[in-house]
Amino acid sequence: MRWRRDEQREVTLSDEEWRRRLTPEQYRVLRRRGTERPFTGDDAPPGGSGSYHCAGCGALLFDSAAKFDSGTGWPSFTEPAAAGSVEARRDFSLGLPRTEVRCRRCGGHLGHVFNDGPRPTGQRYCINAAALAPETDGT
């Protein structure tokens, strides 16, 4: 996972362009750093396997092989699909330190990563379903 300080992105759109491209819930989560209510998102790719892409820009973020049921009500993954597909930032918005996860390609807010996940990584990428666009692998 990369820590980024620069704001140069492969996908840059105006606020109005993002509003037109995204649903209201996707816009609130991805562009305004919102969080959906737990157990409300539909994140399952048809057929149960496949990949998860950014709902904002289509970048590959997670693979279903890394998905697990954390019981939290949000899609959870042990690791990103590829090194560098997401970036992390320190987040103190609730008064406690957390690590925010963003799409590297467009900067969209995805959720947070915690160090309480299963092996082998010990990480739990807790991601808003509204930020994800599932895609099947065709099997």
N, C-alpha and C. Protein backbone atom coordinates (compact mmCIF):
# COMPACT_ATOMS: atom_id res chain seq x y z
N MET A 1 0.85 -1.17 0.00
CA MET A 1 0.00 0.00 0.00
C MET A 1 0.90 1.23 0.00
N ARG A 2 0.56 2.17 -0.83
CA ARG A 2 1.37 3.37 -0.96
C ARG A 2 0.77 4.52 -0.18
N TRP A 3 1.63 5.32 0.43
CA TRP A 3 1.21 6.57 1.07
C TRP A 3 1.50 7.67 0.08
N ARG A 4 0.48 8.43 -0.27
CA ARG A 4 0.64 9.50 -1.26
C ARG A 4 0.41 10.85 -0.62
N ARG A 5 1.19 11.80 -1.05
CA ARG A 5 0.99 13.17 -0.62
C ARG A 5 0.60 14.06 -1.80
N ASP A 6 0.99 13.65 -2.99
CA ASP A 6 0.68 14.47 -4.16
C ASP A 6 -0.76 14.24 -4.59
N GLU A 7 -1.33 15.17 -5.28
CA GLU A 7 -2.71 15.09 -5.73
C GLU A 7 -2.81 14.85 -7.23
N GLN A 8 -1.75 14.39 -7.87
CA GLN A 8 -1.81 14.10 -9.29
C GLN A 8 -2.48 12.75 -9.49
N ARG A 9 -3.53 12.74 -10.27
CA ARG A 9 -4.33 11.54 -10.50
C ARG A 9 -4.42 11.25 -11.98
N GLU A 10 -4.64 9.98 -12.30
CA GLU A 10 -4.87 9.60 -13.70
C GLU A 10 -6.26 10.03 -14.15
N VAL A 11 -7.23 10.04 -13.23
CA VAL A 11 -8.59 10.45 -13.54
C VAL A 11 -8.92 11.67 -12.69
N THR A 12 -9.12 12.79 -13.34
CA THR A 12 -9.51 14.01 -12.63
C THR A 12 -10.73 14.59 -13.32
N LEU A 13 -11.77 14.79 -12.54
CA LEU A 13 -13.01 15.35 -13.04
C LEU A 13 -13.44 16.50 -12.14
N SER A 14 -14.23 17.39 -12.67
CA SER A 14 -14.78 18.46 -11.84
C SER A 14 -15.84 17.87 -10.91
N ASP A 15 -16.20 18.61 -9.91
CA ASP A 15 -17.23 18.17 -8.99
C ASP A 15 -18.54 17.88 -9.74
N GLU A 16 -18.89 18.72 -10.68
CA GLU A 16 -20.11 18.53 -11.46
C GLU A 16 -20.02 17.25 -12.31
N GLU A 17 -18.84 16.97 -12.88
CA GLU A 17 -18.68 15.75 -13.66
C GLU A 17 -18.83 14.50 -12.78
N TRP A 18 -18.26 14.56 -11.56
CA TRP A 18 -18.43 13.44 -10.64
C TRP A 18 -19.90 13.25 -10.29
N ARG A 19 -20.61 14.33 -10.06
CA ARG A 19 -22.05 14.24 -9.72
C ARG A 19 -22.85 13.59 -10.85
N ARG A 20 -22.49 13.89 -12.08
CA ARG A 20 -23.20 13.30 -13.22
C ARG A 20 -22.85 11.82 -13.40
N ARG A 21 -21.62 11.45 -13.10
CA ARG A 21 -21.14 10.08 -13.32
C ARG A 21 -21.63 9.11 -12.25
N LEU A 22 -21.78 9.57 -11.02
CA LEU A 22 -22.06 8.71 -9.88
C LEU A 22 -23.51 8.83 -9.40
N THR A 23 -23.99 7.79 -8.74
CA THR A 23 -25.28 7.90 -8.06
C THR A 23 -25.08 8.83 -6.85
N PRO A 24 -26.16 9.35 -6.27
CA PRO A 24 -25.99 10.20 -5.08
C PRO A 24 -25.22 9.51 -3.95
N GLU A 25 -25.49 8.21 -3.71
CA GLU A 25 -24.78 7.49 -2.65
C GLU A 25 -23.31 7.29 -3.00
N GLN A 26 -23.01 6.95 -4.24
CA GLN A 26 -21.61 6.80 -4.66
C GLN A 26 -20.87 8.13 -4.52
N TYR A 27 -21.52 9.21 -4.91
CA TYR A 27 -20.89 10.53 -4.80
C TYR A 27 -20.59 10.85 -3.32
N ARG A 28 -21.57 10.62 -2.46
CA ARG A 28 -21.38 10.91 -1.03
C ARG A 28 -20.21 10.11 -0.45
N VAL A 29 -20.12 8.84 -0.81
CA VAL A 29 -19.04 8.00 -0.29
C VAL A 29 -17.70 8.33 -0.94
N LEU A 30 -17.65 8.26 -2.26
CA LEU A 30 -16.37 8.41 -2.97
C LEU A 30 -15.80 9.82 -2.94
N ARG A 31 -16.64 10.82 -3.09
CA ARG A 31 -16.12 12.18 -3.24
C ARG A 31 -16.22 13.01 -1.96
N ARG A 32 -17.11 12.63 -1.03
CA ARG A 32 -17.29 13.39 0.22
C ARG A 32 -16.87 12.60 1.45
N ARG A 33 -16.19 11.46 1.22
CA ARG A 33 -15.66 10.63 2.30
C ARG A 33 -16.75 10.14 3.24
N GLY A 34 -17.91 9.82 2.69
CA GLY A 34 -19.02 9.30 3.50
C GLY A 34 -18.85 7.83 3.81
N THR A 35 -19.73 7.34 4.68
CA THR A 35 -19.78 5.93 5.02
C THR A 35 -21.23 5.47 4.93
N GLU A 36 -21.44 4.39 4.22
CA GLU A 36 -22.79 3.85 4.13
C GLU A 36 -23.13 3.12 5.42
N ARG A 37 -24.42 2.95 5.68
CA ARG A 37 -24.84 2.19 6.85
C ARG A 37 -24.44 0.73 6.67
N PRO A 38 -24.04 0.06 7.75
CA PRO A 38 -23.65 -1.35 7.62
C PRO A 38 -24.82 -2.21 7.16
N PHE A 39 -24.49 -3.27 6.47
CA PHE A 39 -25.44 -4.28 5.98
C PHE A 39 -26.44 -3.72 4.97
N THR A 40 -26.11 -2.61 4.29
CA THR A 40 -27.02 -2.03 3.31
C THR A 40 -26.52 -2.15 1.88
N GLY A 41 -25.25 -2.42 1.68
CA GLY A 41 -24.68 -2.44 0.34
C GLY A 41 -24.73 -3.79 -0.32
N ASP A 42 -24.92 -3.78 -1.63
CA ASP A 42 -24.88 -5.01 -2.42
C ASP A 42 -23.52 -5.06 -3.10
N ASP A 43 -22.65 -5.95 -2.62
CA ASP A 43 -21.29 -5.99 -3.12
C ASP A 43 -20.91 -7.30 -3.76
N ALA A 44 -21.82 -8.24 -3.86
CA ALA A 44 -21.47 -9.56 -4.36
C ALA A 44 -21.44 -9.61 -5.87
N PRO A 45 -20.32 -10.05 -6.45
CA PRO A 45 -20.33 -10.23 -7.89
C PRO A 45 -21.21 -11.41 -8.25
N PRO A 46 -21.95 -11.33 -9.34
CA PRO A 46 -22.76 -12.48 -9.75
C PRO A 46 -21.88 -13.71 -9.90
N GLY A 47 -22.35 -14.83 -9.37
CA GLY A 47 -21.57 -16.07 -9.45
C GLY A 47 -20.63 -16.25 -8.29
N GLY A 48 -20.44 -15.24 -7.47
CA GLY A 48 -19.63 -15.37 -6.27
C GLY A 48 -18.14 -15.18 -6.46
N SER A 49 -17.64 -15.08 -7.68
CA SER A 49 -16.21 -14.84 -7.86
C SER A 49 -16.02 -13.74 -8.88
N GLY A 50 -14.88 -13.13 -8.84
CA GLY A 50 -14.60 -12.04 -9.75
C GLY A 50 -13.73 -10.99 -9.08
N SER A 51 -13.88 -9.78 -9.55
CA SER A 51 -13.07 -8.70 -9.04
C SER A 51 -13.94 -7.51 -8.70
N TYR A 52 -13.35 -6.59 -7.95
CA TYR A 52 -14.05 -5.40 -7.51
C TYR A 52 -13.29 -4.19 -8.02
N HIS A 53 -14.00 -3.34 -8.74
CA HIS A 53 -13.41 -2.16 -9.35
C HIS A 53 -13.95 -0.91 -8.67
N CYS A 54 -13.25 0.20 -8.83
CA CYS A 54 -13.70 1.48 -8.30
C CYS A 54 -14.96 1.90 -9.05
N ALA A 55 -16.02 2.23 -8.33
CA ALA A 55 -17.27 2.67 -8.94
C ALA A 55 -17.10 4.04 -9.60
N GLY A 56 -16.05 4.76 -9.25
CA GLY A 56 -15.82 6.07 -9.83
C GLY A 56 -15.06 6.04 -11.13
N CYS A 57 -13.99 5.23 -11.19
CA CYS A 57 -13.13 5.27 -12.37
C CYS A 57 -12.89 3.91 -13.02
N GLY A 58 -13.35 2.84 -12.40
CA GLY A 58 -13.20 1.51 -12.98
C GLY A 58 -11.89 0.80 -12.68
N ALA A 59 -11.02 1.41 -11.89
CA ALA A 59 -9.74 0.77 -11.58
C ALA A 59 -9.95 -0.52 -10.78
N LEU A 60 -9.17 -1.53 -11.07
CA LEU A 60 -9.21 -2.78 -10.32
C LEU A 60 -8.70 -2.53 -8.90
N LEU A 61 -9.50 -2.91 -7.89
CA LEU A 61 -9.12 -2.66 -6.51
C LEU A 61 -8.89 -3.94 -5.70
N PHE A 62 -9.86 -4.87 -5.76
CA PHE A 62 -9.81 -6.07 -4.93
C PHE A 62 -10.26 -7.27 -5.74
N ASP A 63 -9.81 -8.46 -5.32
CA ASP A 63 -10.22 -9.71 -5.93
C ASP A 63 -11.07 -10.48 -4.92
N SER A 64 -12.05 -11.23 -5.42
CA SER A 64 -12.93 -11.98 -4.52
C SER A 64 -12.17 -13.02 -3.70
N ALA A 65 -11.01 -13.46 -4.16
CA ALA A 65 -10.22 -14.44 -3.40
C ALA A 65 -9.74 -13.86 -2.07
N ALA A 66 -9.64 -12.53 -1.97
CA ALA A 66 -9.19 -11.87 -0.74
C ALA A 66 -10.35 -11.40 0.12
N LYS A 67 -11.59 -11.68 -0.30
CA LYS A 67 -12.77 -11.23 0.43
C LYS A 67 -13.10 -12.21 1.55
N PHE A 68 -13.55 -11.68 2.68
CA PHE A 68 -13.98 -12.52 3.79
C PHE A 68 -15.12 -11.84 4.53
N ASP A 69 -15.86 -12.61 5.29
CA ASP A 69 -16.97 -12.08 6.07
C ASP A 69 -16.46 -11.64 7.43
N SER A 70 -16.36 -10.34 7.62
CA SER A 70 -15.85 -9.81 8.88
C SER A 70 -16.95 -9.63 9.91
N GLY A 71 -18.21 -9.75 9.48
CA GLY A 71 -19.34 -9.56 10.38
C GLY A 71 -19.62 -8.10 10.70
N THR A 72 -18.94 -7.19 10.00
CA THR A 72 -19.09 -5.76 10.29
C THR A 72 -20.21 -5.10 9.49
N GLY A 73 -20.63 -5.76 8.40
CA GLY A 73 -21.67 -5.16 7.56
C GLY A 73 -21.13 -4.43 6.34
N TRP A 74 -19.81 -4.43 6.18
CA TRP A 74 -19.18 -3.84 5.01
C TRP A 74 -18.32 -4.90 4.33
N PRO A 75 -18.18 -4.83 3.02
CA PRO A 75 -17.26 -5.75 2.34
C PRO A 75 -15.86 -5.65 2.95
N SER A 76 -15.24 -6.78 3.20
CA SER A 76 -13.91 -6.80 3.81
C SER A 76 -12.97 -7.67 3.00
N PHE A 77 -11.74 -7.21 2.88
CA PHE A 77 -10.72 -7.88 2.10
C PHE A 77 -9.42 -7.93 2.90
N THR A 78 -8.60 -8.95 2.64
CA THR A 78 -7.31 -9.06 3.33
C THR A 78 -6.22 -8.26 2.66
N GLU A 79 -6.41 -7.95 1.36
CA GLU A 79 -5.39 -7.20 0.64
C GLU A 79 -5.97 -6.68 -0.68
N PRO A 80 -5.35 -5.64 -1.23
CA PRO A 80 -5.77 -5.14 -2.55
C PRO A 80 -5.41 -6.14 -3.65
N ALA A 81 -6.01 -5.97 -4.81
CA ALA A 81 -5.75 -6.86 -5.95
C ALA A 81 -4.31 -6.75 -6.43
N ALA A 82 -3.75 -5.57 -6.37
CA ALA A 82 -2.38 -5.35 -6.82
C ALA A 82 -1.72 -4.29 -5.96
N ALA A 83 -0.43 -4.43 -5.78
CA ALA A 83 0.31 -3.40 -5.04
C ALA A 83 0.15 -2.07 -5.76
N GLY A 84 -0.19 -1.06 -5.03
CA GLY A 84 -0.33 0.26 -5.63
C GLY A 84 -1.71 0.58 -6.17
N SER A 85 -2.67 -0.35 -6.05
CA SER A 85 -4.01 -0.04 -6.56
C SER A 85 -4.78 0.86 -5.60
N VAL A 86 -4.41 0.84 -4.33
CA VAL A 86 -5.00 1.75 -3.35
C VAL A 86 -3.90 2.50 -2.65
N GLU A 87 -4.29 3.59 -2.02
CA GLU A 87 -3.35 4.37 -1.22
C GLU A 87 -3.96 4.61 0.15
N ALA A 88 -3.12 4.88 1.11
CA ALA A 88 -3.56 5.07 2.48
C ALA A 88 -3.21 6.47 2.97
N ARG A 89 -4.09 6.98 3.84
CA ARG A 89 -3.86 8.28 4.48
C ARG A 89 -4.30 8.19 5.93
N ARG A 90 -3.59 8.87 6.79
CA ARG A 90 -4.01 8.95 8.19
C ARG A 90 -5.29 9.75 8.25
N ASP A 91 -6.21 9.31 9.09
CA ASP A 91 -7.52 9.93 9.20
C ASP A 91 -7.84 10.13 10.68
N PHE A 92 -8.06 11.37 11.07
CA PHE A 92 -8.40 11.69 12.46
C PHE A 92 -9.81 12.27 12.55
N SER A 93 -10.66 12.01 11.54
CA SER A 93 -11.97 12.64 11.46
C SER A 93 -12.90 12.28 12.62
N LEU A 94 -12.72 11.15 13.25
CA LEU A 94 -13.55 10.79 14.40
C LEU A 94 -12.82 11.02 15.72
N GLY A 95 -11.68 11.70 15.67
CA GLY A 95 -10.91 11.98 16.86
C GLY A 95 -9.94 10.87 17.24
N LEU A 96 -10.04 9.74 16.55
CA LEU A 96 -9.13 8.61 16.77
C LEU A 96 -8.36 8.36 15.49
N PRO A 97 -7.09 7.96 15.61
CA PRO A 97 -6.33 7.69 14.39
C PRO A 97 -6.82 6.43 13.67
N ARG A 98 -7.08 6.58 12.38
CA ARG A 98 -7.44 5.45 11.53
C ARG A 98 -6.66 5.62 10.24
N THR A 99 -6.73 4.61 9.39
CA THR A 99 -6.07 4.68 8.10
C THR A 99 -7.13 4.61 7.01
N GLU A 100 -7.31 5.72 6.32
CA GLU A 100 -8.27 5.80 5.22
C GLU A 100 -7.67 5.14 3.98
N VAL A 101 -8.51 4.46 3.20
CA VAL A 101 -8.08 3.84 1.95
C VAL A 101 -8.77 4.57 0.81
N ARG A 102 -7.98 4.94 -0.21
CA ARG A 102 -8.49 5.64 -1.38
C ARG A 102 -8.06 4.92 -2.65
N CYS A 103 -8.83 5.10 -3.71
CA CYS A 103 -8.44 4.60 -5.02
C CYS A 103 -7.24 5.42 -5.49
N ARG A 104 -6.17 4.74 -5.88
CA ARG A 104 -4.99 5.45 -6.33
C ARG A 104 -5.25 6.21 -7.62
N ARG A 105 -6.09 5.66 -8.47
CA ARG A 105 -6.31 6.24 -9.80
C ARG A 105 -7.12 7.54 -9.77
N CYS A 106 -8.20 7.58 -8.96
CA CYS A 106 -9.05 8.79 -8.95
C CYS A 106 -9.13 9.48 -7.60
N GLY A 107 -8.57 8.87 -6.55
CA GLY A 107 -8.59 9.48 -5.22
C GLY A 107 -9.89 9.29 -4.48
N GLY A 108 -10.79 8.45 -5.00
CA GLY A 108 -12.07 8.22 -4.34
C GLY A 108 -11.91 7.52 -3.00
N HIS A 109 -12.68 7.98 -2.02
CA HIS A 109 -12.68 7.35 -0.69
C HIS A 109 -13.33 5.99 -0.78
N LEU A 110 -12.63 4.96 -0.29
CA LEU A 110 -13.15 3.60 -0.32
C LEU A 110 -13.61 3.13 1.05
N GLY A 111 -12.86 3.45 2.08
CA GLY A 111 -13.16 3.00 3.43
C GLY A 111 -11.91 3.13 4.29
N HIS A 112 -11.67 2.13 5.14
CA HIS A 112 -10.52 2.16 6.05
C HIS A 112 -9.89 0.77 6.13
N VAL A 113 -8.63 0.74 6.55
CA VAL A 113 -7.95 -0.54 6.76
C VAL A 113 -7.56 -0.62 8.23
N PHE A 114 -7.75 -1.82 8.80
CA PHE A 114 -7.47 -2.07 10.21
C PHE A 114 -6.56 -3.28 10.33
N ASN A 115 -5.85 -3.37 11.43
CA ASN A 115 -4.91 -4.47 11.65
C ASN A 115 -5.53 -5.58 12.48
N ASP A 116 -6.79 -5.91 12.21
CA ASP A 116 -7.46 -6.96 12.96
C ASP A 116 -8.06 -8.03 12.03
N GLY A 117 -7.48 -8.17 10.86
CA GLY A 117 -7.98 -9.13 9.88
C GLY A 117 -7.37 -10.51 10.04
N PRO A 118 -7.83 -11.45 9.24
CA PRO A 118 -7.32 -12.83 9.31
C PRO A 118 -5.94 -12.96 8.67
N ARG A 119 -5.35 -14.10 8.87
CA ARG A 119 -4.09 -14.42 8.20
C ARG A 119 -4.35 -14.60 6.73
N PRO A 120 -3.45 -14.40 5.87
CA PRO A 120 -2.03 -14.23 6.13
C PRO A 120 -1.61 -12.78 6.37
N THR A 121 -2.43 -11.79 6.02
CA THR A 121 -1.99 -10.40 6.11
C THR A 121 -2.27 -9.76 7.45
N GLY A 122 -3.31 -10.22 8.15
CA GLY A 122 -3.71 -9.58 9.40
C GLY A 122 -4.42 -8.26 9.19
N GLN A 123 -4.72 -7.93 7.94
CA GLN A 123 -5.37 -6.66 7.64
C GLN A 123 -6.83 -6.89 7.25
N ARG A 124 -7.65 -5.89 7.59
CA ARG A 124 -9.06 -5.88 7.20
C ARG A 124 -9.34 -4.58 6.46
N TYR A 125 -9.42 -4.68 5.15
CA TYR A 125 -9.80 -3.53 4.34
C TYR A 125 -11.32 -3.47 4.39
N CYS A 126 -11.85 -2.55 5.16
CA CYS A 126 -13.29 -2.39 5.37
C CYS A 126 -13.77 -1.34 4.37
N ILE A 127 -14.46 -1.79 3.32
CA ILE A 127 -14.73 -0.96 2.15
C ILE A 127 -16.24 -0.74 1.97
N ASN A 128 -16.62 0.47 1.64
CA ASN A 128 -18.02 0.78 1.35
C ASN A 128 -18.43 0.08 0.05
N ALA A 129 -19.55 -0.64 0.08
CA ALA A 129 -20.04 -1.31 -1.13
C ALA A 129 -20.36 -0.30 -2.22
N ALA A 130 -20.79 0.90 -1.85
CA ALA A 130 -21.11 1.94 -2.83
C ALA A 130 -19.88 2.37 -3.63
N ALA A 131 -18.70 2.13 -3.08
CA ALA A 131 -17.46 2.50 -3.76
C ALA A 131 -17.01 1.44 -4.74
N LEU A 132 -17.66 0.27 -4.72
CA LEU A 132 -17.23 -0.86 -5.53
C LEU A 132 -18.17 -1.15 -6.69
N ALA A 133 -17.59 -1.60 -7.77
CA ALA A 133 -18.33 -2.08 -8.92
C ALA A 133 -17.87 -3.52 -9.17
N PRO A 134 -18.65 -4.51 -8.69
CA PRO A 134 -18.24 -5.91 -8.88
C PRO A 134 -18.27 -6.32 -10.34
N GLU A 135 -17.38 -7.24 -10.69
CA GLU A 135 -17.31 -7.77 -12.06
C GLU A 135 -17.01 -9.26 -11.97
N THR A 136 -17.73 -10.06 -12.72
CA THR A 136 -17.49 -11.49 -12.68
C THR A 136 -16.27 -11.85 -13.52
N ASP A 137 -15.72 -13.02 -13.22
CA ASP A 137 -14.57 -13.49 -13.99
C ASP A 137 -14.99 -14.42 -15.12
N GLY A 138 -16.31 -14.60 -15.29
CA GLY A 138 -16.81 -15.40 -16.39
C GLY A 138 -16.88 -16.89 -16.13
N THR A 139 -16.59 -17.33 -14.90
CA THR A 139 -16.65 -18.76 -14.61
C THR A 139 -17.96 -19.13 -13.97
